[in-house]
Amino acid sequence: MICLVAQSKASTDRAVVKRLCRTLSIGRSSYYRGRRGRTDPDLALRDQIHRLALS
């Protein structure tokens, strides 16, 4: 889904990104994180901790 937002010609316009993300039910932070290509090395660990906390 994030790729669809990124493919939009106007994907640099904040209002457009916000509307597309809302339509596709994805978070804007996920979109921007994906654009930077940044990966969090502790993401899997944080996911496991989060799942344990919710159980």
C-alpha atoms as a PDB file:
ATOM      1  CA  MET A   1       0.000   0.000   0.000  1.00  0.00           C
ATOM      2  CA  ILE A   2       2.817   2.388   0.818  1.00  0.00           C
ATOM      3  CA  CYS A   3       4.115   1.920  -2.712  1.00  0.00           C
ATOM      4  CA  LEU A   4       0.810   3.193  -4.074  1.00  0.00           C
ATOM      5  CA  VAL A   5       1.146   6.411  -2.128  1.00  0.00           C
ATOM      6  CA  ALA A   6       4.772   6.828  -3.188  1.00  0.00           C
ATOM      7  CA  GLN A   7       3.850   6.358  -6.856  1.00  0.00           C
ATOM      8  CA  SER A   8       1.505   9.315  -6.741  1.00  0.00           C
ATOM      9  CA  LYS A   9       2.966  12.254  -8.672  1.00  0.00           C
ATOM     10  CA  ALA A  10       1.956  14.633  -5.892  1.00  0.00           C
ATOM     11  CA  SER A  11       3.277  12.447  -3.093  1.00  0.00           C
ATOM     12  CA  THR A  12       5.371  15.327  -1.772  1.00  0.00           C
ATOM     13  CA  ASP A  13       2.267  17.366  -0.939  1.00  0.00           C
ATOM     14  CA  ARG A  14       1.359  16.801   2.724  1.00  0.00           C
ATOM     15  CA  ALA A  15      -2.395  17.059   2.146  1.00  0.00           C
ATOM     16  CA  VAL A  16      -2.256  14.494  -0.654  1.00  0.00           C
ATOM     17  CA  VAL A  17      -0.167  12.084   1.423  1.00  0.00           C
ATOM     18  CA  LYS A  18      -2.535  12.485   4.365  1.00  0.00           C
ATOM     19  CA  ARG A  19      -5.605  11.823   2.213  1.00  0.00           C
ATOM     20  CA  LEU A  20      -4.063   8.827   0.433  1.00  0.00           C
ATOM     21  CA  CYS A  21      -2.882   7.290   3.696  1.00  0.00           C
ATOM     22  CA  ARG A  22      -6.319   7.750   5.238  1.00  0.00           C
ATOM     23  CA  THR A  23      -7.965   6.197   2.176  1.00  0.00           C
ATOM     24  CA  LEU A  24      -5.601   3.217   2.243  1.00  0.00           C
ATOM     25  CA  SER A  25      -5.797   2.907   6.050  1.00  0.00           C
ATOM     26  CA  ILE A  26      -2.069   3.220   6.588  1.00  0.00           C
ATOM     27  CA  GLY A  27      -0.264   5.557   8.929  1.00  0.00           C
ATOM     28  CA  ARG A  28       1.586   8.563   7.558  1.00  0.00           C
ATOM     29  CA  SER A  29       4.534   7.679   9.758  1.00  0.00           C
ATOM     30  CA  SER A  30       4.771   4.311   8.006  1.00  0.00           C
ATOM     31  CA  TYR A  31       4.747   6.067   4.654  1.00  0.00           C
ATOM     32  CA  TYR A  32       7.498   8.503   5.597  1.00  0.00           C
ATOM     33  CA  ARG A  33       9.563   5.813   7.314  1.00  0.00           C
ATOM     34  CA  GLY A  34       9.382   3.713   4.164  1.00  0.00           C
ATOM     35  CA  ARG A  35      10.451   6.616   1.973  1.00  0.00           C
ATOM     36  CA  ARG A  36      13.609   7.142   3.965  1.00  0.00           C
ATOM     37  CA  GLY A  37      14.489   3.496   3.643  1.00  0.00           C
ATOM     38  CA  ARG A  38      15.252   3.485   7.335  1.00  0.00           C
ATOM     39  CA  THR A  39      14.961   0.180   9.074  1.00  0.00           C
ATOM     40  CA  ASP A  40      15.002  -0.252  12.794  1.00  0.00           C
ATOM     41  CA  PRO A  41      17.284  -3.124  13.843  1.00  0.00           C
ATOM     42  CA  ASP A  42      15.258  -3.575  17.038  1.00  0.00           C
ATOM     43  CA  LEU A  43      11.907  -3.681  15.280  1.00  0.00           C
ATOM     44  CA  ALA A  44      11.431  -7.441  15.732  1.00  0.00           C
ATOM     45  CA  LEU A  45      12.363  -7.219  19.410  1.00  0.00           C
ATOM     46  CA  ARG A  46       9.993  -4.301  20.015  1.00  0.00           C
ATOM     47  CA  ASP A  47       7.225  -6.201  18.203  1.00  0.00           C
ATOM     48  CA  GLN A  48       7.705  -9.209  20.482  1.00  0.00           C
ATOM     49  CA  ILE A  49       7.688  -7.026  23.601  1.00  0.00           C
ATOM     50  CA  HIS A  50       4.542  -5.297  22.389  1.00  0.00           C
ATOM     51  CA  ARG A  51       2.804  -8.619  21.735  1.00  0.00           C
ATOM     52  CA  LEU A  52       3.754  -9.889  25.210  1.00  0.00           C
ATOM     53  CA  ALA A  53       2.462  -6.718  26.822  1.00  0.00           C
ATOM     54  CA  LEU A  54      -0.881  -7.088  25.064  1.00  0.00           C
ATOM     55  CA  SER A  55      -1.368 -10.746  25.953  1.00  0.00           C
END
